[in-house]
Amino acid sequence: MSPADGAKARTIPAEPEQYGLGRSLTAMILRLSRHAGALCFLSAAVFIAMTLLEFFYFRQLSGGLPSLDMRYFGFTPDEGMAWLTALGRRGGEIILVWHYLTFDLLFPALLSLTLVSLILATGRRLENFRVLPGQVQSIFALVLVLPYMLADYAQNIAVARLLSDFLSANPDSLSFASALTVTKFALLAIPVVVIATFWLMGLRRQA
């Protein structure tokens, strides 16, 4: 090969790095399906810990009133204010530290990873899903799960602000926190329904 040919060869652009990064990210997401069991165990362990704190500690602080996180259908501003008033400043600080800055700082992300892994694991039992390109599979799972995760963190921030600054509690801020709570659970239902549907379809094919 002549020096001129060598110079031409060296000027051929390499494959853009973003394509390699995209493939790596897709591969990482797809590998989550292999760890669905471990992720389910971790999510369940954190959820149990949060539930125990709610029923055996937080409700004692609030005089038996359920936390705003547990009100699946939302709450009125009066109900939210009653919970904050019952907690007082000390109770609010305890829940802020032992829930929103610890367990619930981790749980939405952990549950989201678990949901993605289950969507992929159950979906790959179905031929129509299995033949899709890996990137499409990963994007499908993320599109179903990410809205829930974002809504959960937004709701956490809204309630944490109420707990850290009682003066910020007014009908508008409490109504906003309630709307985020309802939205969070509604968006969580979407991937759960898809996982259940995939699982039932997989069972039907095996029958």
Protein backbone atom coordinates (compact mmCIF):
# COMPACT_ATOMS: atom_id res chain seq x y z
CA MET A 1 0.00 0.00 0.00
CA SER A 2 1.44 3.42 -0.95
CA PRO A 3 1.87 6.28 1.58
CA ALA A 4 -1.01 8.08 -0.14
CA ASP A 5 -3.28 5.08 0.37
CA GLY A 6 -2.25 4.94 4.02
CA ALA A 7 -3.10 8.60 4.49
CA LYS A 8 -6.53 8.02 2.95
CA ALA A 9 -7.13 5.05 5.22
CA ARG A 10 -6.28 7.09 8.28
CA THR A 11 -8.81 9.77 7.36
CA ILE A 12 -11.76 7.34 7.39
CA PRO A 13 -13.91 8.49 10.35
CA ALA A 14 -14.47 6.02 13.14
CA GLU A 15 -17.98 5.05 14.21
CA PRO A 16 -19.47 7.82 16.37
CA GLU A 17 -19.02 7.18 20.07
CA GLN A 18 -22.66 7.82 20.79
CA TYR A 19 -23.64 4.68 18.88
CA GLY A 20 -21.33 2.59 21.06
CA LEU A 21 -22.70 4.31 24.16
CA GLY A 22 -26.25 3.62 23.02
CA ARG A 23 -25.48 -0.06 22.48
CA SER A 24 -23.84 -0.28 25.90
CA LEU A 25 -26.84 1.34 27.57
CA THR A 26 -29.23 -0.96 25.73
CA ALA A 27 -27.18 -4.02 26.72
CA MET A 28 -27.14 -2.86 30.35
CA ILE A 29 -30.91 -2.40 30.40
CA LEU A 30 -31.52 -5.76 28.74
CA ARG A 31 -29.29 -7.48 31.31
CA LEU A 32 -31.68 -6.37 34.03
CA SER A 33 -33.99 -9.22 33.03
CA ARG A 34 -31.38 -11.67 34.34
CA HIS A 35 -31.57 -10.07 37.78
CA ALA A 36 -35.35 -9.81 38.08
CA GLY A 37 -35.46 -12.19 41.04
CA ALA A 38 -32.80 -10.32 43.03
CA LEU A 39 -34.38 -6.96 42.26
CA CYS A 40 -37.80 -8.24 43.36
CA PHE A 41 -36.27 -9.43 46.64
CA LEU A 42 -34.56 -6.08 47.30
CA SER A 43 -37.69 -4.10 46.44
CA ALA A 44 -39.80 -6.29 48.69
CA ALA A 45 -37.30 -5.92 51.56
CA VAL A 46 -37.28 -2.12 51.32
CA PHE A 47 -41.08 -2.02 50.97
CA ILE A 48 -41.52 -4.20 54.07
CA ALA A 49 -39.16 -1.97 56.04
CA MET A 50 -41.11 1.12 54.95
CA THR A 51 -44.42 -0.53 55.82
CA LEU A 52 -43.21 -1.53 59.28
CA LEU A 53 -42.07 2.01 59.96
CA GLU A 54 -45.42 3.35 58.76
CA PHE A 55 -47.62 1.14 60.93
CA PHE A 56 -45.45 0.76 64.03
CA TYR A 57 -43.82 4.20 64.26
CA PHE A 58 -45.11 6.92 61.96
CA ARG A 59 -48.77 6.33 62.80
CA GLN A 60 -47.96 6.62 66.50
CA LEU A 61 -46.46 10.03 65.77
CA SER A 62 -49.57 11.13 63.82
CA GLY A 63 -52.18 9.78 66.23
CA GLY A 64 -53.12 6.92 63.89
CA LEU A 65 -53.47 8.98 60.71
CA PRO A 66 -52.00 7.34 57.59
CA SER A 67 -49.09 9.06 55.88
CA LEU A 68 -49.84 11.02 52.73
CA ASP A 69 -47.85 8.43 50.75
CA MET A 70 -50.38 5.77 51.72
CA ARG A 71 -53.46 7.65 50.48
CA TYR A 72 -53.82 6.09 47.06
CA PHE A 73 -56.83 8.20 46.09
CA GLY A 74 -55.36 11.44 47.36
CA PHE A 75 -56.45 13.66 50.23
CA THR A 76 -58.18 16.97 50.80
CA PRO A 77 -56.23 20.01 52.02
CA ASP A 78 -57.95 19.64 55.41
CA GLU A 79 -56.87 16.00 55.66
CA GLY A 80 -53.31 16.88 54.73
CA MET A 81 -53.21 19.72 57.26
CA ALA A 82 -54.65 17.45 59.97
CA TRP A 83 -51.78 14.99 59.36
CA LEU A 84 -49.14 17.71 59.52
CA THR A 85 -50.69 19.22 62.65
CA ALA A 86 -50.85 15.84 64.39
CA LEU A 87 -47.19 15.19 63.60
CA GLY A 88 -45.95 18.52 64.82
CA ARG A 89 -42.49 19.78 64.01
CA ARG A 90 -40.68 16.92 65.76
CA GLY A 91 -42.78 14.20 64.11
CA GLY A 92 -42.38 15.87 60.72
CA GLU A 93 -38.60 15.91 61.10
CA ILE A 94 -38.55 12.23 62.05
CA ILE A 95 -40.57 11.19 58.98
CA LEU A 96 -38.51 13.49 56.78
CA VAL A 97 -35.27 11.81 57.91
CA TRP A 98 -36.41 8.21 58.29
CA HIS A 99 -38.57 8.05 55.19
CA TYR A 100 -37.98 10.71 52.55
CA LEU A 101 -34.21 11.07 53.05
CA THR A 102 -33.53 7.34 53.47
CA PHE A 103 -35.83 4.55 52.28
CA ASP A 104 -37.98 6.59 49.90
CA LEU A 105 -34.91 8.22 48.41
CA LEU A 106 -33.92 4.75 47.15
CA PHE A 107 -37.24 2.99 46.65
CA PRO A 108 -38.62 4.70 43.50
CA ALA A 109 -35.39 4.00 41.58
CA LEU A 110 -35.15 0.45 42.90
CA LEU A 111 -38.78 -0.32 42.09
CA SER A 112 -38.34 1.19 38.62
CA LEU A 113 -35.37 -1.10 37.90
CA THR A 114 -37.44 -4.03 39.14
CA LEU A 115 -40.37 -3.13 36.89
CA VAL A 116 -38.09 -2.77 33.85
CA SER A 117 -36.52 -6.16 34.57
CA LEU A 118 -39.94 -7.81 34.90
CA ILE A 119 -41.27 -6.23 31.70
CA LEU A 120 -38.27 -7.58 29.81
CA ALA A 121 -38.30 -10.99 31.51
CA THR A 122 -42.02 -11.60 30.95
CA GLY A 123 -42.01 -10.01 27.50
CA ARG A 124 -39.25 -12.26 26.24
CA ARG A 125 -41.48 -15.25 26.82
CA LEU A 126 -43.61 -13.96 23.96
CA GLU A 127 -42.36 -14.45 20.42
CA ASN A 128 -43.70 -11.12 19.14
CA PHE A 129 -41.77 -9.26 21.82
CA ARG A 130 -38.66 -11.43 21.65
CA VAL A 131 -38.08 -10.74 17.95
CA LEU A 132 -38.04 -6.97 18.49
CA PRO A 133 -34.60 -5.30 18.39
CA GLY A 134 -33.01 -5.00 21.80
CA GLN A 135 -33.12 -1.21 21.65
CA VAL A 136 -36.87 -1.26 21.01
CA GLN A 137 -37.39 -3.63 23.94
CA SER A 138 -35.41 -1.41 26.30
CA ILE A 139 -37.12 1.80 25.13
CA PHE A 140 -40.54 0.17 25.52
CA ALA A 141 -39.75 -0.78 29.12
CA LEU A 142 -38.33 2.64 29.97
CA VAL A 143 -41.28 4.52 28.46
CA LEU A 144 -43.64 2.51 30.65
CA VAL A 145 -41.66 2.95 33.87
CA LEU A 146 -39.94 6.35 33.80
CA PRO A 147 -43.14 8.44 34.14
CA TYR A 148 -43.94 6.61 37.39
CA MET A 149 -40.43 7.18 38.78
CA LEU A 150 -40.48 10.89 37.95
CA ALA A 151 -43.95 11.31 39.49
CA ASP A 152 -42.87 9.45 42.64
CA TYR A 153 -39.83 11.65 43.16
CA ALA A 154 -41.90 14.78 42.43
CA GLN A 155 -44.42 13.70 45.05
CA ASN A 156 -41.65 12.98 47.55
CA ILE A 157 -40.23 16.46 47.03
CA ALA A 158 -43.66 18.06 47.45
CA VAL A 159 -44.40 16.25 50.73
CA ALA A 160 -40.85 16.68 52.03
CA ARG A 161 -41.19 20.43 51.49
CA LEU A 162 -44.39 20.43 53.55
CA LEU A 163 -42.65 18.54 56.35
CA SER A 164 -39.57 20.73 56.36
CA ASP A 165 -41.50 24.01 56.20
CA PHE A 166 -44.95 23.96 57.76
CA LEU A 167 -45.54 27.54 56.61
CA SER A 168 -45.56 26.25 53.01
CA ALA A 169 -48.65 24.15 53.78
CA ASN A 170 -51.67 25.83 52.20
CA PRO A 171 -54.63 24.57 50.14
CA ASP A 172 -52.72 24.94 46.88
CA SER A 173 -49.56 23.10 47.98
CA LEU A 174 -51.57 20.35 49.66
CA SER A 175 -53.80 19.90 46.61
CA PHE A 176 -50.69 19.71 44.43
CA ALA A 177 -49.16 17.03 46.68
CA SER A 178 -52.43 15.10 46.57
CA ALA A 179 -52.56 15.25 42.76
CA LEU A 180 -48.98 13.96 42.56
CA THR A 181 -49.86 11.10 44.91
CA VAL A 182 -52.79 10.00 42.72
CA THR A 183 -50.69 10.43 39.57
CA LYS A 184 -47.88 8.33 41.03
CA PHE A 185 -50.12 5.36 41.74
CA ALA A 186 -51.94 5.69 38.41
CA LEU A 187 -48.64 5.64 36.52
CA LEU A 188 -47.40 2.73 38.64
CA ALA A 189 -50.46 0.72 37.61
CA ILE A 190 -49.48 0.89 33.92
CA PRO A 191 -46.27 -1.22 34.04
CA VAL A 192 -47.85 -3.53 36.62
CA VAL A 193 -50.77 -4.24 34.27
CA VAL A 194 -48.37 -4.81 31.35
CA ILE A 195 -46.27 -7.24 33.40
CA ALA A 196 -49.37 -9.15 34.50
CA THR A 197 -50.62 -9.26 30.91
CA PHE A 198 -47.28 -10.54 29.58
CA TRP A 199 -47.13 -13.15 32.34
CA LEU A 200 -50.67 -14.40 31.65
CA MET A 201 -50.00 -14.52 27.92
CA GLY A 202 -46.85 -16.50 28.58
CA LEU A 203 -48.78 -18.99 30.71
CA ARG A 204 -51.40 -19.34 28.00
CA ARG A 205 -48.75 -20.15 25.41
CA GLN A 206 -47.25 -22.82 27.67
CA ALA A 207 -50.63 -24.45 28.26
